[in-house]
Each structure stands twice: as C-alpha cells, then as structure tokens.
C-alpha cells in the first residue's frame, strides 16, 4: 500500500508541483494566481511541530510570534541512497545546507534580516528547499500564527497585520487551507478556523489538523473524537489528529524519528483516539484529491 500510494503520487502529482514552483520562482504569481497549500493557526497551535513532522527538520519555535515571514517549504523525495540536501533563499541570498541541524538557525537569521527586528512581520517570502528520502513530494506555505494582542514592542495592530497577510493567501480559490488547531482548546473559538470558514464556508478546500491530543482534559476525549469524525464543525476535507514533538521532547533531545514512534505508541494505546488516527502513510492519499493535483493543468 505504501509503495502504491507514493508511486502514484510521484507519477501524477510531482510534475504539477514542480511546474507551480518554477512559475512562482519566475514571479508569475504576481499576475496569475497559482495553486498553493497554506498552513495557518493561532499562536502556539503546533504549526511548527506539524511542519517538522512532514519535513524532518527543526523549525524556529517558542512563545510569541515565531514565524515572522511566509515560509515556502518545498519538499522533494529522493532515492534512498541520496544524501539530505537543503537550500534557503531570501532577498538575493542563497545558502546551501548539507545538514538539517542548521535549518532552524538559518531561518531565524533570514527573518531578522528581512524584518529588522524580532517584533514585526513581513510579507517577503523565505524559500526552503529540502531534498531527502524521508520527505513527501509537497510544497507548503507556512504563515505567521494569529496573535490576539500585541506584546512588548510589537505594533499595536500586529494581530490585524497577520490576519491581512493570511487573507491574501486563503481568500484565493486556488489555495488549500491546512488549519492547525490544538485539541485542548475550544475549536469554535480559534481565529484560524474562523478565518478559514469565512473564505471557504463549505470547507471544500480546508483540512483541519488537530494537535496536542495528549493535553486533552480527561472526560473530553469523546468530544475530540466527534470533531475528527466531522460531526461538530463540518468540512468537506474533514480532520486529522496528530501528536508531534513537544517542547519537552526537544529539551530531552528526542529526535524526530523517536517522536514519530512515540506518536504511533500514543495512538495505539489510547482508549479513544486510536479509532480516529490516520497514520502518515495513509494520510498522503488525501493530497491526491487536492485541486492542486488535477484542477489546474
């Protein structure tokens, strides 16, 4: 099953993703709307952890606004014997990366160069290319987490700035929205889901990603199961639930591979969530149904 899914994905979808990436690199998206997959979420929703699980590299994380520029994450699956390679591009700068451990600090540097400080955001794109046998063939755009109030020296309208930036992406009918929502909060109160529903009322191009299932209050598990089963806030693409590397895992220097195994173990043993968990190998079939694959030839 794994080989079939990935071979079909490589055969049918990879050429379109490569074409779209090439057109975007040429600046065609300034005049022509190109298909894209945007990752959005409130602050501390677990966006970075989801992207880490997909890409296999550590991304900047912490409290407050961590993603201060849109990050275009281009992943390309290579042969098993080929080494990991990465390339970071921003402004007129290109940096070749030979070790995934340098990605986090280089992205932080790039954001500081672009924004000039740690308090503001910018619409200027940072592009990260990752080639590895361990990644799916996929391109995502990570957007800043939605802030509710300004903190410290942040602009007073920082929340509105972030929402305007996100709107530029998710209002386009060609954009697939991956909305990251923590399982331990009331899903109806999340700004990211509200925004997605505003621009995609039927949920036709929105997928919900539920994170932090280990933090769900005892007794509330059945409500989360109902959300994953699309019984609470309905969306055509539905929801997936994941457990990614936590801050404690990072402090304990647990690798991404160890975190993935920990995720499998968590869901295998869970009384409720094991029935609604979709392993990553099967989740890839979702992307075969996206408009990015067959509606924009």
Protein backbone atom coordinates (compact mmCIF):
# COMPACT_ATOMS: atom_id res chain seq x y z
CA UNK A 1 0.00 0.00 0.00
CA UNK A 2 2.78 2.42 0.91
CA UNK A 3 4.67 1.83 -2.33
CA UNK A 4 1.50 2.14 -4.41
CA UNK A 5 0.45 5.43 -2.83
CA UNK A 6 3.86 7.02 -3.14
CA UNK A 7 4.47 5.78 -6.70
CA UNK A 8 1.12 7.14 -7.87
CA UNK A 9 1.74 10.41 -6.04
CA UNK A 10 5.17 10.73 -7.66
CA UNK A 11 3.80 9.92 -11.11
CA UNK A 12 0.67 12.08 -11.14
CA UNK A 13 1.28 15.00 -8.79
CA UNK A 14 5.01 15.72 -8.67
CA UNK A 15 5.13 17.18 -12.22
CA UNK A 16 2.41 19.71 -11.34
CA UNK A 17 4.12 20.75 -8.11
CA UNK A 18 7.44 21.22 -9.95
CA UNK A 19 5.70 23.34 -12.60
CA UNK A 20 3.96 25.50 -9.99
CA UNK A 21 7.22 26.01 -8.06
CA UNK A 22 9.01 27.03 -11.27
CA UNK A 23 6.31 29.55 -12.17
CA UNK A 24 6.32 31.01 -8.66
CA UNK A 25 10.13 31.34 -8.78
CA UNK A 26 9.76 33.32 -12.02
CA UNK A 27 7.32 35.70 -10.36
CA UNK A 28 4.34 34.55 -12.41
CA UNK A 29 2.18 34.54 -9.27
CA UNK A 30 2.23 38.35 -9.33
CA UNK A 31 -0.09 38.25 -12.37
CA UNK A 32 -1.56 34.75 -12.25
CA UNK A 33 -2.97 33.02 -9.18
CA UNK A 34 -1.16 29.72 -8.65
CA UNK A 35 -2.37 26.75 -6.59
CA UNK A 36 -0.84 26.58 -3.12
CA UNK A 37 -1.25 24.90 0.27
CA UNK A 38 -1.24 27.39 3.16
CA UNK A 39 -0.65 26.35 6.78
CA UNK A 40 -2.42 28.61 9.29
CA UNK A 41 -3.14 28.52 13.01
CA UNK A 42 -3.34 30.58 16.17
CA UNK A 43 -0.16 31.22 18.15
CA UNK A 44 1.10 28.08 19.94
CA UNK A 45 -1.27 25.85 17.96
CA UNK A 46 1.51 23.43 16.99
CA UNK A 47 2.09 24.59 13.39
CA UNK A 48 5.86 24.27 13.60
CA UNK A 49 5.60 20.77 15.03
CA UNK A 50 3.36 19.64 12.15
CA UNK A 51 5.78 21.05 9.58
CA UNK A 52 8.72 19.44 11.40
CA UNK A 53 6.99 16.07 11.22
CA UNK A 54 6.47 16.48 7.47
CA UNK A 55 9.88 17.89 6.57
CA UNK A 56 12.14 16.16 9.08
CA UNK A 57 13.87 19.43 10.01
CA UNK A 58 13.57 21.59 13.11
CA UNK A 59 11.96 24.99 12.54
CA UNK A 60 12.00 28.08 14.79
CA UNK A 61 9.58 27.70 17.66
CA UNK A 62 8.89 29.29 21.01
CA UNK A 63 6.47 31.76 22.58
CA UNK A 64 5.05 34.78 20.78
CA UNK A 65 5.34 35.32 17.03
CA UNK A 66 7.94 32.85 15.80
CA UNK A 67 7.08 32.75 12.09
CA UNK A 68 7.56 36.39 11.04
CA UNK A 69 7.68 35.88 7.28
CA UNK A 70 5.82 33.48 4.98
CA UNK A 71 7.96 30.35 4.64
CA UNK A 72 7.67 28.40 1.41
CA UNK A 73 8.68 24.83 2.24
CA UNK A 74 9.46 22.80 -0.89
CA UNK A 75 9.99 19.11 -0.19
CA UNK A 76 11.24 16.62 -2.76
CA UNK A 77 11.55 12.91 -2.12
CA UNK A 78 14.81 11.43 -3.41
CA UNK A 79 16.22 7.92 -3.79
CA UNK A 80 17.13 6.06 -0.60
CA UNK A 81 20.87 6.32 -1.30
CA UNK A 82 20.92 10.07 -1.94
CA UNK A 83 22.07 12.40 0.87
CA UNK A 84 19.97 15.08 2.51
CA UNK A 85 20.23 18.48 0.81
CA UNK A 86 18.72 21.84 1.59
CA UNK A 87 18.74 25.35 0.17
CA UNK A 88 17.49 28.57 1.76
CA UNK A 89 16.62 31.57 -0.41
CA UNK A 90 15.56 35.09 0.59
CA UNK A 91 16.17 38.50 -0.91
CA UNK A 92 19.24 37.96 -3.14
CA UNK A 93 20.77 35.41 -0.78
CA UNK A 94 21.09 31.66 -1.37
CA UNK A 95 22.51 29.32 1.26
CA UNK A 96 23.30 25.67 0.55
CA UNK A 97 22.66 23.43 3.55
CA UNK A 98 24.22 19.99 3.97
CA UNK A 99 22.93 19.27 7.46
CA UNK A 100 19.31 19.63 8.66
CA UNK A 101 20.52 20.81 12.07
CA UNK A 102 21.41 24.21 10.58
CA UNK A 103 17.94 24.93 9.16
CA UNK A 104 16.41 26.45 12.31
CA UNK A 105 19.16 28.98 12.95
CA UNK A 106 19.41 29.99 9.27
CA UNK A 107 15.67 30.66 9.06
CA UNK A 108 15.87 32.76 12.23
CA UNK A 109 18.73 34.76 10.70
CA UNK A 110 16.76 35.25 7.49
CA UNK A 111 13.74 36.54 9.41
CA UNK A 112 15.92 39.01 11.30
CA UNK A 113 17.45 40.28 8.05
CA UNK A 114 14.02 40.76 6.47
CA UNK A 115 12.08 42.22 9.40
CA UNK A 116 14.97 44.05 11.03
CA UNK A 117 13.69 43.12 14.49
CA UNK A 118 12.06 40.35 16.47
CA UNK A 119 8.74 42.13 16.87
CA UNK A 120 7.38 42.79 13.37
CA UNK A 121 6.26 40.68 10.43
CA UNK A 122 6.90 40.94 6.70
CA UNK A 123 5.14 39.71 3.56
CA UNK A 124 8.51 38.88 1.96
CA UNK A 125 8.86 35.18 1.25
CA UNK A 126 11.57 32.87 2.56
CA UNK A 127 12.01 29.71 0.48
CA UNK A 128 13.37 26.47 1.94
CA UNK A 129 14.10 23.52 -0.37
CA UNK A 130 14.52 20.11 1.26
CA UNK A 131 15.57 17.01 -0.69
CA UNK A 132 15.54 13.76 1.26
CA UNK A 133 14.39 10.14 1.04
CA UNK A 134 12.31 10.79 4.18
CA UNK A 135 10.00 13.59 2.93
CA UNK A 136 6.86 13.60 0.76
CA UNK A 137 6.76 15.43 -2.56
CA UNK A 138 4.92 18.52 -1.39
CA UNK A 139 5.13 22.31 -1.24
CA UNK A 140 3.58 24.24 1.66
CA UNK A 141 3.49 27.89 2.70
CA UNK A 142 3.74 28.43 6.45
CA UNK A 143 2.16 31.70 7.63
CA UNK A 144 2.59 33.59 10.95
CA UNK A 145 0.46 32.41 13.86
CA UNK A 146 -2.51 34.63 14.63
CA UNK A 147 -1.88 36.91 17.61
CA UNK A 148 -4.75 38.21 19.71
CA UNK A 149 -2.96 41.07 21.49
CA UNK A 150 0.30 42.99 20.99
CA UNK A 151 3.08 42.14 23.45
CA UNK A 152 6.07 44.28 24.39
CA UNK A 153 7.33 46.36 21.45
CA UNK A 154 5.07 44.72 18.89
CA UNK A 155 2.95 47.07 16.75
CA UNK A 156 -0.44 47.66 18.33
CA UNK A 157 -2.17 46.31 15.23
CA UNK A 158 0.03 43.21 14.93
CA UNK A 159 -3.00 40.93 15.05
CA UNK A 160 -4.66 42.73 12.14
CA UNK A 161 -1.39 42.74 10.18
CA UNK A 162 -1.14 38.97 10.48
CA UNK A 163 -4.78 38.46 9.51
CA UNK A 164 -4.36 40.63 6.40
CA UNK A 165 -1.31 38.61 5.39
CA UNK A 166 -3.15 35.31 5.88
CA UNK A 167 -6.19 36.58 3.99
CA UNK A 168 -4.07 37.26 0.91
CA UNK A 169 -3.45 33.53 0.65
CA UNK A 170 -6.60 31.82 1.91
CA UNK A 171 -9.09 34.01 0.01
CA UNK A 172 -7.82 32.58 -3.29
CA UNK A 173 -9.91 29.71 -4.57
CA UNK A 174 -6.69 28.01 -5.67
CA UNK A 175 -5.40 27.76 -2.08
CA UNK A 176 -5.84 24.68 0.09
CA UNK A 177 -6.00 25.63 3.78
CA UNK A 178 -4.38 23.41 6.39
CA UNK A 179 -5.78 24.75 9.66
CA UNK A 180 -3.84 23.66 12.74
CA UNK A 181 -5.95 23.60 15.92
CA UNK A 182 -4.88 22.38 19.39
CA UNK A 183 -7.13 19.65 20.76
CA UNK A 184 -7.04 21.17 24.26
CA UNK A 185 -8.92 24.37 23.31
CA UNK A 186 -12.49 25.02 22.24
CA UNK A 187 -12.29 24.61 18.46
CA UNK A 188 -15.13 27.11 17.94
CA UNK A 189 -13.02 29.93 19.44
CA UNK A 190 -9.94 29.54 17.24
CA UNK A 191 -9.30 32.51 14.96
CA UNK A 192 -7.66 30.39 12.25
CA UNK A 193 -10.70 28.19 11.81
CA UNK A 194 -12.98 31.24 11.81
CA UNK A 195 -10.93 32.79 9.02
CA UNK A 196 -10.91 29.57 7.01
CA UNK A 197 -14.69 29.27 7.32
CA UNK A 198 -15.11 32.92 6.30
CA UNK A 199 -13.29 32.43 3.00
CA UNK A 200 -14.26 28.79 2.48
CA UNK A 201 -17.75 28.46 4.02
CA UNK A 202 -18.38 24.93 2.76
CA UNK A 203 -14.95 23.67 3.82
CA UNK A 204 -14.35 22.38 0.30
CA UNK A 205 -10.67 23.36 0.36
CA UNK A 206 -9.91 23.22 4.09
CA UNK A 207 -8.40 20.40 6.12
CA UNK A 208 -8.30 20.54 9.92
CA UNK A 209 -5.20 19.27 11.74
CA UNK A 210 -5.78 18.60 15.45
CA UNK A 211 -2.63 18.73 17.57
CA UNK A 212 -1.71 18.14 21.23
CA UNK A 213 -4.15 15.27 21.89
CA UNK A 214 -2.09 14.32 24.96
CA UNK A 215 -3.21 17.59 26.62
CA UNK A 216 -6.95 16.93 26.29
CA UNK A 217 -8.76 17.09 29.63
CA UNK A 218 -9.96 13.76 30.96
CA UNK A 219 -13.62 13.31 30.08
CA UNK A 220 -13.38 15.46 26.95
CA UNK A 221 -11.94 12.76 24.68
CA UNK A 222 -15.28 11.84 23.11
CA UNK A 223 -15.82 15.46 22.04
CA UNK A 224 -12.47 15.38 20.21
CA UNK A 225 -13.44 12.12 18.52
CA UNK A 226 -16.64 13.80 17.30
CA UNK A 227 -14.57 16.66 15.83
CA UNK A 228 -12.28 14.25 13.97
CA UNK A 229 -15.34 12.41 12.68
CA UNK A 230 -16.56 15.74 11.26
CA UNK A 231 -19.64 15.90 13.49
CA UNK A 232 -19.01 19.30 15.14
CA UNK A 233 -17.81 21.88 12.57
CA UNK A 234 -18.22 20.14 9.25
CA UNK A 235 -15.66 20.49 6.49
CA UNK A 236 -15.63 18.58 3.22
CA UNK A 237 -11.99 17.52 3.67
CA UNK A 238 -12.53 16.66 7.32
CA UNK A 239 -9.90 16.47 10.08
CA UNK A 240 -6.78 14.54 11.03
CA UNK A 241 -5.35 14.18 14.51
CA UNK A 242 -1.60 14.06 15.16
CA UNK A 243 0.78 14.07 18.09
CA UNK A 244 4.02 15.82 17.23
CA UNK A 245 7.24 16.52 19.11
CA UNK A 246 6.60 18.62 22.21
CA UNK A 247 8.83 21.22 23.84
CA UNK A 248 9.66 18.64 26.49
CA UNK A 249 10.74 16.22 23.75
CA UNK A 250 13.10 18.89 22.42
CA UNK A 251 14.57 19.53 25.88
CA UNK A 252 15.16 15.81 26.20
CA UNK A 253 16.81 15.87 22.74
CA UNK A 254 14.35 13.34 21.36
CA UNK A 255 14.84 13.01 17.60
CA UNK A 256 12.05 13.40 15.04
CA UNK A 257 12.24 9.66 14.34
CA UNK A 258 11.78 8.92 18.03
CA UNK A 259 8.88 11.39 18.16
CA UNK A 260 7.15 9.60 15.29
CA UNK A 261 7.45 6.27 17.08
CA UNK A 262 6.14 7.93 20.24
CA UNK A 263 3.15 9.17 18.23
CA UNK A 264 2.35 5.65 16.99
CA UNK A 265 2.63 4.29 20.52
CA UNK A 266 0.38 7.01 21.92
CA UNK A 267 -2.46 6.33 19.50
CA UNK A 268 -2.07 2.54 19.63
CA UNK A 269 -2.61 2.62 23.39
CA UNK A 270 -5.27 5.36 23.58
CA UNK A 271 -8.75 4.27 24.57
CA UNK A 272 -10.49 6.75 22.25
CA UNK A 273 -8.10 8.25 19.73
CA UNK A 274 -6.77 5.01 18.27
CA UNK A 275 -10.04 4.69 16.32
CA UNK A 276 -9.68 8.05 14.53
CA UNK A 277 -5.92 8.23 13.99
CA UNK A 278 -4.71 8.27 10.37
CA UNK A 279 -1.08 7.14 10.02
CA UNK A 280 1.02 9.44 7.80
CA UNK A 281 1.42 6.83 5.06
CA UNK A 282 -2.33 6.71 4.52
CA UNK A 283 -2.84 10.45 5.06
CA UNK A 284 -0.85 11.02 1.87
CA UNK A 285 -3.86 9.77 -0.10
CA UNK A 286 -5.65 12.96 0.91
CA UNK A 287 -3.30 15.05 -1.19
CA UNK A 288 -4.14 13.00 -4.29
CA UNK A 289 -7.62 14.57 -4.17
CA UNK A 290 -6.50 18.20 -3.94
CA UNK A 291 -7.28 20.71 -6.73
CA UNK A 292 -3.55 21.37 -6.85
CA UNK A 293 -3.23 17.92 -8.39
CA UNK A 294 -5.84 17.88 -11.08
CA UNK A 295 -7.82 21.12 -11.46
CA UNK A 296 -5.11 23.48 -12.70
CA UNK A 297 -3.43 21.95 -15.73
